[in-house]
Each structure stands twice: as structure tokens, then as C-alpha cells.
Amino acid sequence: MTDSKQILAVSESRKRLQHLRDSLHSLAKIESAGSGYDALQMVALESFDLIVLDFDLNLMSGLETLKRIRQETPTIPLLMIPGEYMFVTDVARALEHNAQSYIDPGEITEHDYQRIQLFLERGELPRRISTFRKDLRKDYHVDRVIGSSAQMYYIYERLEKAANSDVSVLVRGESGTGKELIARIIHAISSRVYKRFVALNCAAIPENLLESELFGHEKGAFTGAMSQREGKFEIADGGTLFLDEIGDMSPALQAKLLRALEYGEFERIGGNEVISTDVRIISATNKNLEQEIEKGNFREDLYYRLNVYPLALPPLRERKPDIPLLSIYFASRFNRKNNQSVEHFDNDVFA
């Protein structure tokens, strides 16, 4: 077996998967996915030299799986396993989405072996090119952003636009909608990815300590300041600073934050040195900041500084079509972690 080569076999038939393992294990390491959803998760996080995809998939059709795989890996060689009721139009549509050819896992010929070896060689370069991006996705848990609803496709588009600019982003949404995860993804696919992502929950730190967390302090600046300490603005220099629950910050500290954003500089507590910083700010809140401005709890000028690019995350109850996909994803994670085999849900579960 060639350890450096990897084949992903996708089928809901254990028999077909076993045929492929038995036949191809001498050519490459064989990874298997029991559904189209599993395959998409694996393709998003790992790099393969060849994909063998069964047309007969039920939870997500083989053709739909092919389309989505091609969105993720447009150049990796892919072979289709013909379906029992596959029509000529199906063949044409598969070829349109860059399926190279077809293979029968039960009768792999010498010619098939030669083709697969050629495909494996062709797949090596695209795999190397994509490895860095896959590693980033693992590090930043991009796989946890799941959904095919209209609301989520809109979020995906907004994420890409946010990553391609360097303006401040304000992420709004209820608790549990994944605001920090979204911030991490924006950082991970932006030009600042080579620098640090630093997160600070403004509601979790007492007000008298939050300023030190943001800007740092000098030794002896206050009781307990036994040494000089860098703040989050310094640590995140060149990267991204995520300010969660920004609506809970006191008005006095809001004024100091505004100055740091306007001039790109600040002073540590107890210090006189002006420190310059280049930080991209992503902030988040579950509060209605417009109402907080009317109450005098939040500065309007800071609001406009932070809300250059607004991003609103919908709660799950507003994107119910994503529930089956999320359920299958979490069942797959449960299976891998606990060595179980939950394979499907009854339809009435999602009613």
C-alpha cells in the first residue's frame, strides 16, 4: 500500500465499500463514507487523491453529492459507481460535473487498476495544493458551520465578502447561534490568518479589569500589578480581535475603545508610551444596540465604528430545513466518537 495516497469511497452499501477496500488497498489508503453528508464533511477536512462515489445514495443523491463535492474539490479525480436505475441523462449530468469515468467495485479489471493508478498520480498535486486550506479548516472548526437553507447560503456569501475586506464586522444573533465561530472563520479565510485571532468576552470580566485586558498595564499601575502585561490589542497586532458581548461594555471604556479604533494607538494603564496597533475588529452582541443608544448605555459613534459590516445570524427555528442535515452530522460525530452505527432517523422525527 502507498501510504501517501488516499482514496475516499462513498457508498451506503457496506458490500460495495468492502469490495473497494479489498480491491484497492494495495494502491492507496482507503477511507470510507456511508452517506453523501459524511462524504462532504470528510472532503471539507481532508485531502484525497481520488474519490469513488456511488450513484445510489438515498439521504443525499449521488448526483447532488457529486455537485457539492465539486464545489469543494473541483480538480480531484472522481469515479462513479453506476446506479441500478441510472439513465443516460444521469450519466451526462455526472460527466458535466467532471466525473472522470465509471467503475464496478465487484469487477475491477486490470484496465481499471491502470486507470486508478493514473488518477492517483493526477490527484497528488491538487491534494498538496489544498492541504494548507484543509488544515486551516480543521484548526478553525469550519466543519461546524452546517446548513443548506437559503438563510445559510446568504451567511456564506456574507462571510466571504467580510473576509475579503478589512472593515469592522458586527455579528448579531441570539445566544447559541455561533457568533464566535463565525468570527473565527472570517479570520481563517482572510489575509490576516497568519497572525493571531484573540477573543475577549466583555461580559465575563469585571469592569475594573476589562481595561487591562484590552490595553495591558505597567508594573505597579494598580494593586496586584506585579509586572508589565500586554493587552489584547497588542497580542492581536496584525490579526483579529473578537470582542464578544460588546453591548455590556461600560460607556467610559467605550470611549477609550473608540479612540484606539480611530487612531490605531493606545497606552497601557499606568504607562506613557503610545503603542501603535493594526487590528481588525469583529464584535458581537445579542443586545439591541439601537435601543441601548437611546437609553444612553452605548455610544452612537462607537456603534457606527463597529457596525461597518453587519452580519445577522438566524436562530435554528428560522432555518428548519437545516435540522435534518445537522442531525445527520451530529449522529455521524457520535458514531465516530462512540463506535456506534446510528444510520438514519425516522421521518416523523423532523415533522
Protein backbone atom coordinates (compact mmCIF):
# COMPACT_ATOMS: atom_id res chain seq x y z
CA MET A 1 0.00 0.00 0.00
CA THR A 2 1.17 3.52 -0.80
CA ASP A 3 0.69 5.45 2.44
CA SER A 4 0.95 8.82 0.75
CA LYS A 5 -2.13 8.17 -1.42
CA GLN A 6 -5.70 8.35 -0.15
CA ILE A 7 -8.95 7.22 -1.77
CA LEU A 8 -12.36 8.18 -0.44
CA ALA A 9 -15.01 5.54 -1.16
CA VAL A 10 -18.60 6.74 -0.76
CA SER A 11 -21.49 4.27 -0.62
CA GLU A 12 -24.41 3.32 1.58
CA SER A 13 -23.73 -0.32 0.67
CA ARG A 14 -21.32 -1.99 3.06
CA LYS A 15 -20.79 -4.73 0.48
CA ARG A 16 -19.63 -2.24 -2.15
CA LEU A 17 -17.35 -0.50 0.33
CA GLN A 18 -15.80 -3.83 1.30
CA HIS A 19 -15.25 -4.72 -2.38
CA LEU A 20 -13.40 -1.43 -2.85
CA ARG A 21 -11.27 -1.94 0.26
CA ASP A 22 -10.35 -5.47 -0.80
CA SER A 23 -9.55 -4.44 -4.36
CA LEU A 24 -7.73 -1.13 -3.88
CA HIS A 25 -5.90 -1.42 -0.56
CA SER A 26 -2.64 -2.19 -2.37
CA LEU A 27 -2.85 1.12 -4.27
CA ALA A 28 -3.77 3.55 -1.50
CA LYS A 29 -5.22 4.04 1.94
CA ILE A 30 -8.99 3.63 1.68
CA GLU A 31 -11.25 5.94 3.71
CA SER A 32 -14.99 5.28 3.55
CA ALA A 33 -18.11 7.41 3.95
CA GLY A 34 -21.53 5.85 4.45
CA SER A 35 -23.54 8.77 3.05
CA GLY A 36 -23.23 11.88 0.96
CA TYR A 37 -23.33 14.01 4.10
CA ASP A 38 -20.42 12.08 5.61
CA ALA A 39 -18.52 12.45 2.36
CA LEU A 40 -18.95 16.23 2.32
CA GLN A 41 -17.67 16.51 5.89
CA MET A 42 -14.62 14.38 5.08
CA VAL A 43 -13.85 16.23 1.85
CA ALA A 44 -14.07 19.53 3.72
CA LEU A 45 -11.47 18.45 6.29
CA GLU A 46 -9.18 16.01 4.48
CA SER A 47 -7.35 15.85 1.16
CA PHE A 48 -7.82 12.88 -1.15
CA ASP A 49 -6.13 11.78 -4.37
CA LEU A 50 -9.22 10.01 -5.75
CA ILE A 51 -12.90 9.77 -4.88
CA VAL A 52 -15.09 6.78 -5.77
CA LEU A 53 -18.74 7.80 -5.47
CA ASP A 54 -21.78 5.52 -5.55
CA PHE A 55 -24.66 6.90 -7.63
CA ASP A 56 -27.18 5.01 -5.46
CA LEU A 57 -27.34 7.23 -2.37
CA ASN A 58 -30.59 7.95 -0.57
CA LEU A 59 -30.12 10.58 2.15
CA MET A 60 -28.44 12.81 -0.42
CA SER A 61 -28.46 11.60 -4.02
CA GLY A 62 -25.24 10.61 -5.72
CA LEU A 63 -25.61 13.39 -8.26
CA GLU A 64 -26.26 16.02 -5.58
CA THR A 65 -23.27 14.72 -3.60
CA LEU A 66 -21.14 14.99 -6.75
CA LYS A 67 -22.22 18.59 -7.28
CA ARG A 68 -21.34 19.57 -3.72
CA ILE A 69 -18.04 17.71 -3.76
CA ARG A 70 -17.10 19.60 -6.90
CA GLN A 71 -17.75 22.89 -5.12
CA GLU A 72 -15.15 21.85 -2.56
CA THR A 73 -12.65 19.97 -4.75
CA PRO A 74 -13.13 20.81 -8.43
CA THR A 75 -9.94 19.05 -9.61
CA ILE A 76 -9.66 15.81 -7.63
CA PRO A 77 -10.27 12.78 -9.94
CA LEU A 78 -13.64 11.13 -9.28
CA LEU A 79 -15.09 7.79 -10.42
CA MET A 80 -18.80 6.98 -10.23
CA ILE A 81 -20.26 3.59 -9.30
CA PRO A 82 -23.24 3.14 -11.69
CA GLY A 83 -26.68 3.04 -10.10
CA GLU A 84 -29.24 0.30 -10.62
CA TYR A 85 -31.66 2.71 -12.28
CA MET A 86 -29.20 5.10 -13.86
CA PHE A 87 -30.34 6.76 -17.08
CA VAL A 88 -28.31 8.18 -19.94
CA THR A 89 -29.25 11.68 -18.79
CA ASP A 90 -27.79 10.86 -15.37
CA VAL A 91 -24.53 9.83 -16.99
CA ALA A 92 -24.42 13.06 -18.97
CA ARG A 93 -25.08 15.17 -15.90
CA ALA A 94 -22.38 13.36 -13.92
CA LEU A 95 -19.87 13.96 -16.71
CA GLU A 96 -20.87 17.63 -16.78
CA HIS A 97 -19.78 17.82 -13.16
CA ASN A 98 -16.38 16.36 -14.00
CA ALA A 99 -16.82 12.71 -13.06
CA GLN A 100 -13.95 11.12 -14.97
CA SER A 101 -15.43 7.66 -15.54
CA TYR A 102 -17.30 4.74 -14.01
CA ILE A 103 -16.22 1.64 -12.11
CA ASP A 104 -17.88 -1.58 -10.93
CA PRO A 105 -16.48 -2.33 -7.43
CA GLY A 106 -17.38 -6.01 -7.81
CA GLU A 107 -15.46 -6.49 -11.09
CA ILE A 108 -12.38 -4.28 -11.11
CA THR A 109 -10.31 -5.18 -14.19
CA GLU A 110 -6.64 -4.73 -14.96
CA HIS A 111 -7.60 -1.77 -17.11
CA ASP A 112 -9.41 -0.27 -14.10
CA TYR A 113 -6.27 -0.65 -12.00
CA GLN A 114 -4.23 1.19 -14.63
CA ARG A 115 -6.78 4.00 -14.78
CA ILE A 116 -6.89 4.31 -11.00
CA GLN A 117 -3.09 4.47 -10.78
CA LEU A 118 -3.13 7.25 -13.36
CA PHE A 119 -5.86 9.11 -11.47
CA LEU A 120 -3.90 8.78 -8.23
CA GLU A 121 -0.87 10.38 -9.85
CA ARG A 122 -3.04 13.17 -11.25
CA GLY A 123 -4.65 13.76 -7.88
CA GLU A 124 -1.40 14.26 -5.98
CA LEU A 125 -0.73 17.87 -6.99
CA PRO A 126 -4.25 19.18 -6.27
CA ARG A 127 -4.11 17.36 -2.96
CA ARG A 128 -0.86 19.09 -1.97
CA ILE A 129 -2.22 22.46 -3.01
CA SER A 130 -5.35 22.01 -0.89
CA THR A 131 -3.63 20.60 2.22
CA PHE A 132 -2.93 24.01 3.78
CA ARG A 133 -6.53 25.12 3.36
CA LYS A 134 -7.84 21.86 4.83
CA ASP A 135 -5.58 22.25 7.85
CA LEU A 136 -6.97 25.72 8.40
CA ARG A 137 -10.50 24.39 8.32
CA LYS A 138 -9.62 21.78 10.93
CA ASP A 139 -7.98 24.37 13.16
CA TYR A 140 -10.90 26.76 12.99
CA HIS A 141 -13.69 24.14 13.03
CA VAL A 142 -15.19 25.34 9.77
CA ASP A 143 -16.94 21.98 9.51
CA ARG A 144 -19.27 23.08 12.31
CA VAL A 145 -20.93 25.67 10.07
CA ILE A 146 -23.63 23.47 8.60
CA GLY A 147 -26.68 24.30 6.56
CA SER A 148 -28.11 24.38 3.07
CA SER A 149 -31.07 26.66 3.75
CA ALA A 150 -31.48 29.97 1.98
CA GLN A 151 -30.55 31.77 5.21
CA MET A 152 -27.25 29.88 5.49
CA TYR A 153 -26.30 30.40 1.85
CA TYR A 154 -26.80 34.10 2.47
CA ILE A 155 -24.50 33.86 5.51
CA TYR A 156 -21.87 32.02 3.44
CA GLU A 157 -21.89 34.84 0.89
CA ARG A 158 -21.63 37.46 3.62
CA LEU A 159 -18.74 35.58 5.23
CA GLU A 160 -16.76 35.57 2.01
CA LYS A 161 -17.32 39.29 1.46
CA ALA A 162 -16.35 40.06 5.04
CA ALA A 163 -13.14 38.04 4.71
CA ASN A 164 -12.18 39.84 1.50
CA SER A 165 -12.25 43.24 3.21
CA ASP A 166 -10.65 44.58 6.37
CA VAL A 167 -13.53 46.61 7.82
CA SER A 168 -15.07 46.12 11.27
CA VAL A 169 -17.77 43.46 11.46
CA LEU A 170 -20.65 43.42 13.95
CA VAL A 171 -22.12 39.93 14.37
CA ARG A 172 -25.59 39.92 15.86
CA GLY A 173 -27.67 36.98 16.98
CA GLU A 174 -29.15 35.14 19.91
CA SER A 175 -27.00 33.15 22.31
CA GLY A 176 -26.05 29.84 20.74
CA THR A 177 -26.15 30.95 17.11
CA GLY A 178 -22.35 30.65 16.78
CA LYS A 179 -21.11 34.23 16.78
CA GLU A 180 -17.55 33.44 17.87
CA LEU A 181 -17.34 30.56 15.40
CA ILE A 182 -18.32 32.93 12.60
CA ALA A 183 -15.65 35.41 13.74
CA ARG A 184 -13.01 32.67 13.71
CA ILE A 185 -13.98 31.65 10.19
CA ILE A 186 -13.79 35.22 8.89
CA HIS A 187 -10.28 35.41 10.34
CA ALA A 188 -9.33 31.97 8.97
CA ILE A 189 -10.22 32.83 5.37
CA SER A 190 -8.91 36.40 5.47
CA SER A 191 -5.46 37.76 4.70
CA ARG A 192 -4.85 38.08 8.47
CA VAL A 193 -4.86 34.32 9.01
CA TYR A 194 -1.08 34.24 9.53
CA LYS A 195 -1.48 36.45 12.62
CA ARG A 196 -3.37 35.75 15.81
CA PHE A 197 -7.08 35.56 16.48
CA VAL A 198 -7.75 36.85 20.01
CA ALA A 199 -11.16 36.63 21.69
CA LEU A 200 -12.37 38.62 24.68
CA ASN A 201 -15.79 38.29 26.35
CA CYS A 202 -16.62 41.76 27.60
CA ALA A 203 -19.41 40.48 29.85
CA ALA A 204 -17.30 37.86 31.62
CA ILE A 205 -14.67 40.23 33.05
CA PRO A 206 -15.24 42.81 35.81
CA GLU A 207 -15.20 46.39 34.55
CA ASN A 208 -12.11 47.31 36.58
CA LEU A 209 -10.13 44.52 34.90
CA LEU A 210 -11.52 44.79 31.38
CA GLU A 211 -9.45 47.88 30.52
CA SER A 212 -6.29 46.00 31.49
CA GLU A 213 -7.38 43.02 29.40
CA LEU A 214 -7.80 45.30 26.39
CA PHE A 215 -4.81 47.61 26.68
CA GLY A 216 -2.45 45.98 29.18
CA HIS A 217 -0.77 47.65 32.15
CA GLU A 218 2.64 48.63 33.51
CA LYS A 219 4.20 47.19 36.63
CA GLY A 220 2.78 48.93 39.72
CA ALA A 221 -0.09 50.56 37.81
CA PHE A 222 -2.52 49.31 40.43
CA THR A 223 -2.61 46.96 43.39
CA GLY A 224 -1.67 43.49 42.20
CA ALA A 225 0.10 44.67 39.02
CA MET A 226 3.33 42.84 39.82
CA SER A 227 4.71 43.00 36.28
CA GLN A 228 4.11 44.58 32.90
CA ARG A 229 1.38 42.91 30.90
CA GLU A 230 0.37 43.15 27.26
CA GLY A 231 -3.30 43.65 26.47
CA LYS A 232 -5.36 42.01 23.76
CA PHE A 233 -4.75 44.91 21.35
CA GLU A 234 -1.01 44.25 21.47
CA ILE A 235 -1.34 40.49 21.31
CA ALA A 236 -3.64 40.66 18.28
CA ASP A 237 -1.46 43.12 16.36
CA GLY A 238 -1.69 42.28 12.65
CA GLY A 239 -4.52 39.85 13.32
CA THR A 240 -8.13 39.88 14.51
CA LEU A 241 -9.58 40.93 17.86
CA PHE A 242 -13.01 39.49 18.62
CA LEU A 243 -14.98 41.45 21.23
CA ASP A 244 -17.91 39.33 22.36
CA GLU A 245 -20.88 40.84 24.20
CA ILE A 246 -19.72 44.32 23.24
CA GLY A 247 -23.06 45.72 24.42
CA ASP A 248 -22.06 45.05 28.03
CA MET A 249 -19.03 47.37 27.96
CA SER A 250 -19.28 50.44 30.18
CA PRO A 251 -19.61 53.88 28.50
CA ALA A 252 -16.28 55.02 30.00
CA LEU A 253 -14.39 52.13 28.47
CA GLN A 254 -16.31 52.54 25.21
CA ALA A 255 -14.69 55.98 24.86
CA LYS A 256 -11.19 54.51 25.24
CA LEU A 257 -12.01 51.74 22.78
CA LEU A 258 -13.28 54.30 20.27
CA ARG A 259 -10.03 56.26 20.46
CA ALA A 260 -7.98 53.09 19.88
CA LEU A 261 -10.09 52.28 16.83
CA GLU A 262 -9.97 55.81 15.41
CA TYR A 263 -6.23 56.38 15.80
CA GLY A 264 -4.84 52.84 15.90
CA GLU A 265 -2.95 53.57 19.07
CA PHE A 266 -3.30 53.34 22.86
CA GLU A 267 -1.39 53.46 26.15
CA ARG A 268 -1.10 50.73 28.73
CA ILE A 269 -2.64 51.53 32.13
CA GLY A 270 -0.02 53.40 34.14
CA GLY A 271 2.16 53.98 31.09
CA ASN A 272 3.12 56.94 28.91
CA GLU A 273 4.30 55.10 25.81
CA VAL A 274 1.97 55.39 22.84
CA ILE A 275 1.66 51.95 21.24
CA SER A 276 0.51 51.59 17.63
CA THR A 277 -1.55 48.60 16.60
CA ASP A 278 -3.07 47.17 13.42
CA VAL A 279 -6.06 45.11 14.48
CA ARG A 280 -9.17 44.02 12.62
CA ILE A 281 -12.16 44.24 14.97
CA ILE A 282 -15.03 41.77 14.92
CA SER A 283 -17.57 42.37 17.66
CA ALA A 284 -20.71 40.52 18.66
CA THR A 285 -23.80 41.12 20.74
CA ASN A 286 -27.22 39.68 21.45
CA LYS A 287 -28.48 43.09 22.55
CA ASN A 288 -30.38 45.65 20.52
CA LEU A 289 -27.67 48.32 20.32
CA GLU A 290 -30.03 50.86 18.79
CA GLN A 291 -32.17 50.67 21.91
CA GLU A 292 -29.07 50.80 24.10
CA ILE A 293 -28.04 54.03 22.32
CA GLU A 294 -31.46 55.56 23.02
CA LYS A 295 -31.09 54.62 26.70
CA GLY A 296 -27.64 56.21 26.83
CA ASN A 297 -25.91 52.89 27.51
CA PHE A 298 -23.97 52.70 24.24
CA ARG A 299 -22.09 55.37 22.31
CA GLU A 300 -23.54 56.09 18.90
CA ASP A 301 -20.16 56.99 17.41
CA LEU A 302 -18.70 53.66 18.57
CA TYR A 303 -21.72 51.85 17.15
CA TYR A 304 -21.06 53.25 13.69
CA ARG A 305 -17.36 52.44 14.02
CA LEU A 306 -18.14 48.80 14.83
CA ASN A 307 -21.14 48.28 12.55
CA VAL A 308 -19.40 48.92 9.23
CA TYR A 309 -20.28 45.43 8.01
CA PRO A 310 -23.30 43.97 9.87
CA LEU A 311 -23.86 40.23 9.94
CA ALA A 312 -27.05 38.81 11.49
CA LEU A 313 -27.16 35.09 12.38
CA PRO A 314 -30.59 33.42 12.27
CA PRO A 315 -31.64 31.06 15.07
CA LEU A 316 -32.25 27.44 14.12
CA ARG A 317 -36.03 27.84 14.41
CA GLU A 318 -35.84 30.16 11.38
CA ARG A 319 -33.92 27.65 9.26
CA LYS A 320 -35.77 24.40 9.90
CA PRO A 321 -34.61 22.81 6.58
CA ASP A 322 -31.14 22.57 8.17
CA ILE A 323 -32.34 20.39 11.05
CA PRO A 324 -32.07 17.04 9.17
CA LEU A 325 -28.58 17.92 7.94
CA LEU A 326 -27.46 18.93 11.43
CA SER A 327 -28.99 15.77 12.90
CA ILE A 328 -27.12 13.55 10.46
CA TYR A 329 -23.90 15.45 11.07
CA PHE A 330 -24.11 15.08 14.85
CA ALA A 331 -25.11 11.43 14.51
CA SER A 332 -22.01 10.89 12.38
CA ARG A 333 -19.83 12.56 15.02
CA PHE A 334 -21.49 10.42 17.70
CA ASN A 335 -20.82 7.26 15.67
CA ARG A 336 -17.14 8.05 15.20
CA LYS A 337 -16.61 9.02 18.82
CA ASN A 338 -18.53 6.11 20.39
CA ASN A 339 -18.06 3.41 17.74
CA GLN A 340 -21.80 3.26 17.13
CA SER A 341 -23.84 2.88 13.93
CA VAL A 342 -26.79 5.26 14.01
CA GLU A 343 -27.53 5.38 10.28
CA HIS A 344 -30.89 7.13 9.85
CA PHE A 345 -33.75 8.97 11.50
CA ASP A 346 -37.45 8.27 11.07
CA ASN A 347 -39.22 10.90 9.01
CA ASP A 348 -41.60 11.80 11.82
CA VAL A 349 -38.59 12.99 13.87
CA PHE A 350 -38.38 16.05 11.62
CA ALA A 351 -42.13 16.63 11.30
